[in-house]
Protein backbone atom coordinates (compact mmCIF):
# COMPACT_ATOMS: atom_id res chain seq x y z
CA UNK A 1 0.00 0.00 0.00
CA UNK A 2 2.86 2.39 0.81
CA UNK A 3 4.41 1.93 -2.65
CA UNK A 4 1.08 2.60 -4.34
CA UNK A 5 0.53 5.73 -2.25
CA UNK A 6 4.01 6.96 -3.12
CA UNK A 7 3.27 6.44 -6.82
CA UNK A 8 0.08 8.49 -6.64
CA UNK A 9 1.58 11.37 -4.65
CA UNK A 10 5.00 11.70 -6.30
CA UNK A 11 5.36 14.56 -8.77
CA UNK A 12 5.02 13.55 -12.41
CA UNK A 13 8.48 14.53 -13.57
CA UNK A 14 11.35 12.67 -15.20
CA UNK A 15 10.59 9.04 -16.12
CA UNK A 16 7.14 9.16 -14.52
CA UNK A 17 6.19 12.21 -16.56
CA UNK A 18 7.26 10.46 -19.75
CA UNK A 19 5.29 7.34 -18.87
CA UNK A 20 2.20 9.34 -17.88
CA UNK A 21 2.22 11.39 -21.07
CA UNK A 22 2.63 8.21 -23.14
CA UNK A 23 0.03 6.01 -21.40
CA UNK A 24 -2.38 8.15 -19.38
CA UNK A 25 -5.50 9.61 -20.88
CA UNK A 26 -7.33 12.66 -19.54
CA UNK A 27 -11.05 13.01 -20.21
CA UNK A 28 -12.82 16.15 -19.07
CA UNK A 29 -16.53 15.57 -18.47
CA UNK A 30 -18.41 18.59 -17.16
CA UNK A 31 -16.88 19.46 -13.79
CA UNK A 32 -14.97 16.15 -13.61
CA UNK A 33 -11.54 15.23 -14.94
CA UNK A 34 -10.73 11.54 -15.29
CA UNK A 35 -7.13 10.38 -15.67
CA UNK A 36 -6.80 6.73 -16.67
CA UNK A 37 -3.57 4.67 -16.38
CA UNK A 38 -1.83 7.26 -14.20
CA UNK A 39 0.30 4.94 -12.07
CA UNK A 40 -0.69 1.45 -13.21
CA UNK A 41 -2.56 -0.08 -16.12
CA UNK A 42 -6.34 0.30 -15.73
CA UNK A 43 -6.21 2.57 -12.69
CA UNK A 44 -8.23 5.76 -12.53
CA UNK A 45 -7.83 9.15 -10.84
CA UNK A 46 -10.92 11.37 -10.82
CA UNK A 47 -11.08 15.02 -9.75
CA UNK A 48 -14.41 16.83 -9.42
CA UNK A 49 -14.69 20.59 -9.07
CA UNK A 50 -17.72 22.52 -7.84
CA UNK A 51 -18.55 24.62 -10.89
CA UNK A 52 -20.22 27.47 -8.99
CA UNK A 53 -17.40 27.96 -6.43
CA UNK A 54 -14.51 26.60 -8.54
CA UNK A 55 -13.35 24.65 -5.48
CA UNK A 56 -12.39 21.01 -5.14
CA UNK A 57 -15.50 18.85 -4.54
CA UNK A 58 -14.16 15.27 -4.69
CA UNK A 59 -11.15 13.11 -5.48
CA UNK A 60 -11.38 9.39 -6.22
CA UNK A 61 -8.70 6.80 -6.93
CA UNK A 62 -9.16 3.24 -8.20
CA UNK A 63 -6.09 1.05 -8.56
CA UNK A 64 -4.63 -2.25 -7.42
CA UNK A 65 -1.82 -3.50 -5.20
CA UNK A 66 0.34 -6.40 -6.45
CA UNK A 67 -2.13 -7.88 -8.95
CA UNK A 68 -5.16 -6.38 -10.69
CA UNK A 69 -7.43 -8.65 -8.61
CA UNK A 70 -6.12 -6.84 -5.48
CA UNK A 71 -8.33 -3.80 -6.04
CA UNK A 72 -7.99 -0.72 -3.85
CA UNK A 73 -9.98 2.48 -4.01
CA UNK A 74 -10.06 5.78 -2.21
CA UNK A 75 -12.63 8.53 -2.11
CA UNK A 76 -12.51 12.01 -0.58
CA UNK A 77 -15.46 14.38 -0.62
CA UNK A 78 -15.01 17.98 0.40
CA UNK A 79 -17.36 20.39 2.15
CA UNK A 80 -17.24 24.11 2.57
CA UNK A 81 -17.34 26.14 5.77
CA UNK A 82 -19.32 29.39 5.95
CA UNK A 83 -16.08 31.38 5.54
CA UNK A 84 -15.33 29.54 2.27
CA UNK A 85 -12.63 27.18 3.56
CA UNK A 86 -12.80 23.71 2.02
CA UNK A 87 -12.11 20.62 4.13
CA UNK A 88 -12.28 16.82 3.59
CA UNK A 89 -15.69 15.96 5.06
CA UNK A 90 -15.62 12.29 4.07
CA UNK A 91 -12.81 9.92 3.19
CA UNK A 92 -12.83 6.22 2.53
CA UNK A 93 -10.23 3.62 1.60
CA UNK A 94 -11.37 0.19 0.44
CA UNK A 95 -9.16 -2.87 -0.08
CA UNK A 96 -11.57 -5.38 -1.62
CA UNK A 97 -9.40 -8.50 -1.41
CA UNK A 98 -8.91 -7.97 2.32
CA UNK A 99 -12.55 -7.01 2.94
CA UNK A 100 -11.27 -3.85 4.58
CA UNK A 101 -12.88 -0.43 4.46
CA UNK A 102 -11.76 2.58 6.49
CA UNK A 103 -14.10 5.56 6.52
CA UNK A 104 -13.60 8.92 8.20
CA UNK A 105 -16.29 11.57 8.57
CA UNK A 106 -15.40 15.12 9.63
CA UNK A 107 -18.18 17.45 10.73
CA UNK A 108 -19.39 20.02 13.24
CA UNK A 109 -16.70 22.57 12.46
CA UNK A 110 -17.38 26.07 13.67
CA UNK A 111 -15.70 29.43 13.61
CA UNK A 112 -14.25 30.28 17.07
CA UNK A 113 -15.85 33.17 18.91
CA UNK A 114 -13.67 36.19 19.60
C-alpha atoms as a PDB file:
ATOM      1  CA  UNK A   1       0.000   0.000   0.000  1.00  0.00           C
ATOM      2  CA  UNK A   2       2.862   2.387   0.807  1.00  0.00           C
ATOM      3  CA  UNK A   3       4.409   1.935  -2.654  1.00  0.00           C
ATOM      4  CA  UNK A   4       1.080   2.601  -4.343  1.00  0.00           C
ATOM      5  CA  UNK A   5       0.526   5.732  -2.249  1.00  0.00           C
ATOM      6  CA  UNK A   6       4.013   6.962  -3.118  1.00  0.00           C
ATOM      7  CA  UNK A   7       3.274   6.444  -6.819  1.00  0.00           C
ATOM      8  CA  UNK A   8       0.083   8.495  -6.645  1.00  0.00           C
ATOM      9  CA  UNK A   9       1.580  11.372  -4.649  1.00  0.00           C
ATOM     10  CA  UNK A  10       5.005  11.699  -6.300  1.00  0.00           C
ATOM     11  CA  UNK A  11       5.362  14.561  -8.774  1.00  0.00           C
ATOM     12  CA  UNK A  12       5.015  13.545 -12.407  1.00  0.00           C
ATOM     13  CA  UNK A  13       8.485  14.530 -13.573  1.00  0.00           C
ATOM     14  CA  UNK A  14      11.352  12.669 -15.198  1.00  0.00           C
ATOM     15  CA  UNK A  15      10.594   9.038 -16.121  1.00  0.00           C
ATOM     16  CA  UNK A  16       7.141   9.157 -14.518  1.00  0.00           C
ATOM     17  CA  UNK A  17       6.195  12.214 -16.563  1.00  0.00           C
ATOM     18  CA  UNK A  18       7.262  10.464 -19.754  1.00  0.00           C
ATOM     19  CA  UNK A  19       5.286   7.336 -18.870  1.00  0.00           C
ATOM     20  CA  UNK A  20       2.204   9.338 -17.882  1.00  0.00           C
ATOM     21  CA  UNK A  21       2.216  11.389 -21.066  1.00  0.00           C
ATOM     22  CA  UNK A  22       2.625   8.209 -23.143  1.00  0.00           C
ATOM     23  CA  UNK A  23       0.029   6.008 -21.397  1.00  0.00           C
ATOM     24  CA  UNK A  24      -2.379   8.154 -19.377  1.00  0.00           C
ATOM     25  CA  UNK A  25      -5.502   9.610 -20.880  1.00  0.00           C
ATOM     26  CA  UNK A  26      -7.333  12.658 -19.538  1.00  0.00           C
ATOM     27  CA  UNK A  27     -11.046  13.009 -20.209  1.00  0.00           C
ATOM     28  CA  UNK A  28     -12.824  16.151 -19.068  1.00  0.00           C
ATOM     29  CA  UNK A  29     -16.527  15.572 -18.472  1.00  0.00           C
ATOM     30  CA  UNK A  30     -18.406  18.594 -17.160  1.00  0.00           C
ATOM     31  CA  UNK A  31     -16.883  19.455 -13.793  1.00  0.00           C
ATOM     32  CA  UNK A  32     -14.974  16.152 -13.612  1.00  0.00           C
ATOM     33  CA  UNK A  33     -11.541  15.233 -14.939  1.00  0.00           C
ATOM     34  CA  UNK A  34     -10.728  11.542 -15.292  1.00  0.00           C
ATOM     35  CA  UNK A  35      -7.129  10.377 -15.669  1.00  0.00           C
ATOM     36  CA  UNK A  36      -6.796   6.725 -16.667  1.00  0.00           C
ATOM     37  CA  UNK A  37      -3.575   4.670 -16.381  1.00  0.00           C
ATOM     38  CA  UNK A  38      -1.826   7.263 -14.203  1.00  0.00           C
ATOM     39  CA  UNK A  39       0.301   4.940 -12.067  1.00  0.00           C
ATOM     40  CA  UNK A  40      -0.691   1.450 -13.207  1.00  0.00           C
ATOM     41  CA  UNK A  41      -2.558  -0.078 -16.115  1.00  0.00           C
ATOM     42  CA  UNK A  42      -6.339   0.295 -15.730  1.00  0.00           C
ATOM     43  CA  UNK A  43      -6.207   2.568 -12.693  1.00  0.00           C
ATOM     44  CA  UNK A  44      -8.226   5.760 -12.532  1.00  0.00           C
ATOM     45  CA  UNK A  45      -7.826   9.152 -10.844  1.00  0.00           C
ATOM     46  CA  UNK A  46     -10.916  11.370 -10.822  1.00  0.00           C
ATOM     47  CA  UNK A  47     -11.078  15.017  -9.751  1.00  0.00           C
ATOM     48  CA  UNK A  48     -14.405  16.826  -9.418  1.00  0.00           C
ATOM     49  CA  UNK A  49     -14.685  20.590  -9.068  1.00  0.00           C
ATOM     50  CA  UNK A  50     -17.721  22.521  -7.836  1.00  0.00           C
ATOM     51  CA  UNK A  51     -18.546  24.618 -10.888  1.00  0.00           C
ATOM     52  CA  UNK A  52     -20.218  27.470  -8.986  1.00  0.00           C
ATOM     53  CA  UNK A  53     -17.399  27.959  -6.429  1.00  0.00           C
ATOM     54  CA  UNK A  54     -14.506  26.596  -8.545  1.00  0.00           C
ATOM     55  CA  UNK A  55     -13.352  24.646  -5.482  1.00  0.00           C
ATOM     56  CA  UNK A  56     -12.394  21.011  -5.142  1.00  0.00           C
ATOM     57  CA  UNK A  57     -15.498  18.849  -4.544  1.00  0.00           C
ATOM     58  CA  UNK A  58     -14.155  15.274  -4.688  1.00  0.00           C
ATOM     59  CA  UNK A  59     -11.149  13.108  -5.485  1.00  0.00           C
ATOM     60  CA  UNK A  60     -11.380   9.392  -6.217  1.00  0.00           C
ATOM     61  CA  UNK A  61      -8.702   6.795  -6.933  1.00  0.00           C
ATOM     62  CA  UNK A  62      -9.162   3.237  -8.205  1.00  0.00           C
ATOM     63  CA  UNK A  63      -6.085   1.053  -8.563  1.00  0.00           C
ATOM     64  CA  UNK A  64      -4.634  -2.252  -7.422  1.00  0.00           C
ATOM     65  CA  UNK A  65      -1.824  -3.495  -5.198  1.00  0.00           C
ATOM     66  CA  UNK A  66       0.344  -6.400  -6.450  1.00  0.00           C
ATOM     67  CA  UNK A  67      -2.131  -7.881  -8.955  1.00  0.00           C
ATOM     68  CA  UNK A  68      -5.163  -6.381 -10.687  1.00  0.00           C
ATOM     69  CA  UNK A  69      -7.426  -8.648  -8.610  1.00  0.00           C
ATOM     70  CA  UNK A  70      -6.118  -6.838  -5.477  1.00  0.00           C
ATOM     71  CA  UNK A  71      -8.332  -3.797  -6.041  1.00  0.00           C
ATOM     72  CA  UNK A  72      -7.993  -0.724  -3.852  1.00  0.00           C
ATOM     73  CA  UNK A  73      -9.983   2.480  -4.009  1.00  0.00           C
ATOM     74  CA  UNK A  74     -10.061   5.775  -2.213  1.00  0.00           C
ATOM     75  CA  UNK A  75     -12.634   8.527  -2.110  1.00  0.00           C
ATOM     76  CA  UNK A  76     -12.509  12.009  -0.584  1.00  0.00           C
ATOM     77  CA  UNK A  77     -15.457  14.384  -0.619  1.00  0.00           C
ATOM     78  CA  UNK A  78     -15.006  17.978   0.396  1.00  0.00           C
ATOM     79  CA  UNK A  79     -17.363  20.386   2.151  1.00  0.00           C
ATOM     80  CA  UNK A  80     -17.245  24.111   2.573  1.00  0.00           C
ATOM     81  CA  UNK A  81     -17.336  26.135   5.774  1.00  0.00           C
ATOM     82  CA  UNK A  82     -19.322  29.394   5.948  1.00  0.00           C
ATOM     83  CA  UNK A  83     -16.079  31.383   5.541  1.00  0.00           C
ATOM     84  CA  UNK A  84     -15.334  29.540   2.269  1.00  0.00           C
ATOM     85  CA  UNK A  85     -12.631  27.184   3.556  1.00  0.00           C
ATOM     86  CA  UNK A  86     -12.797  23.708   2.022  1.00  0.00           C
ATOM     87  CA  UNK A  87     -12.112  20.619   4.127  1.00  0.00           C
ATOM     88  CA  UNK A  88     -12.280  16.823   3.595  1.00  0.00           C
ATOM     89  CA  UNK A  89     -15.693  15.960   5.057  1.00  0.00           C
ATOM     90  CA  UNK A  90     -15.622  12.285   4.071  1.00  0.00           C
ATOM     91  CA  UNK A  91     -12.809   9.925   3.187  1.00  0.00           C
ATOM     92  CA  UNK A  92     -12.828   6.223   2.532  1.00  0.00           C
ATOM     93  CA  UNK A  93     -10.235   3.618   1.599  1.00  0.00           C
ATOM     94  CA  UNK A  94     -11.367   0.188   0.440  1.00  0.00           C
ATOM     95  CA  UNK A  95      -9.155  -2.875  -0.082  1.00  0.00           C
ATOM     96  CA  UNK A  96     -11.570  -5.376  -1.622  1.00  0.00           C
ATOM     97  CA  UNK A  97      -9.400  -8.497  -1.412  1.00  0.00           C
ATOM     98  CA  UNK A  98      -8.910  -7.972   2.318  1.00  0.00           C
ATOM     99  CA  UNK A  99     -12.553  -7.010   2.942  1.00  0.00           C
ATOM    100  CA  UNK A 100     -11.270  -3.848   4.576  1.00  0.00           C
ATOM    101  CA  UNK A 101     -12.877  -0.430   4.464  1.00  0.00           C
ATOM    102  CA  UNK A 102     -11.758   2.575   6.492  1.00  0.00           C
ATOM    103  CA  UNK A 103     -14.102   5.558   6.521  1.00  0.00           C
ATOM    104  CA  UNK A 104     -13.600   8.921   8.200  1.00  0.00           C
ATOM    105  CA  UNK A 105     -16.286  11.570   8.571  1.00  0.00           C
ATOM    106  CA  UNK A 106     -15.399  15.121   9.628  1.00  0.00           C
ATOM    107  CA  UNK A 107     -18.183  17.446  10.725  1.00  0.00           C
ATOM    108  CA  UNK A 108     -19.393  20.024  13.240  1.00  0.00           C
ATOM    109  CA  UNK A 109     -16.702  22.570  12.459  1.00  0.00           C
ATOM    110  CA  UNK A 110     -17.377  26.073  13.674  1.00  0.00           C
ATOM    111  CA  UNK A 111     -15.700  29.429  13.614  1.00  0.00           C
ATOM    112  CA  UNK A 112     -14.250  30.280  17.065  1.00  0.00           C
ATOM    113  CA  UNK A 113     -15.850  33.170  18.912  1.00  0.00           C
ATOM    114  CA  UNK A 114     -13.675  36.190  19.603  1.00  0.00           C
END
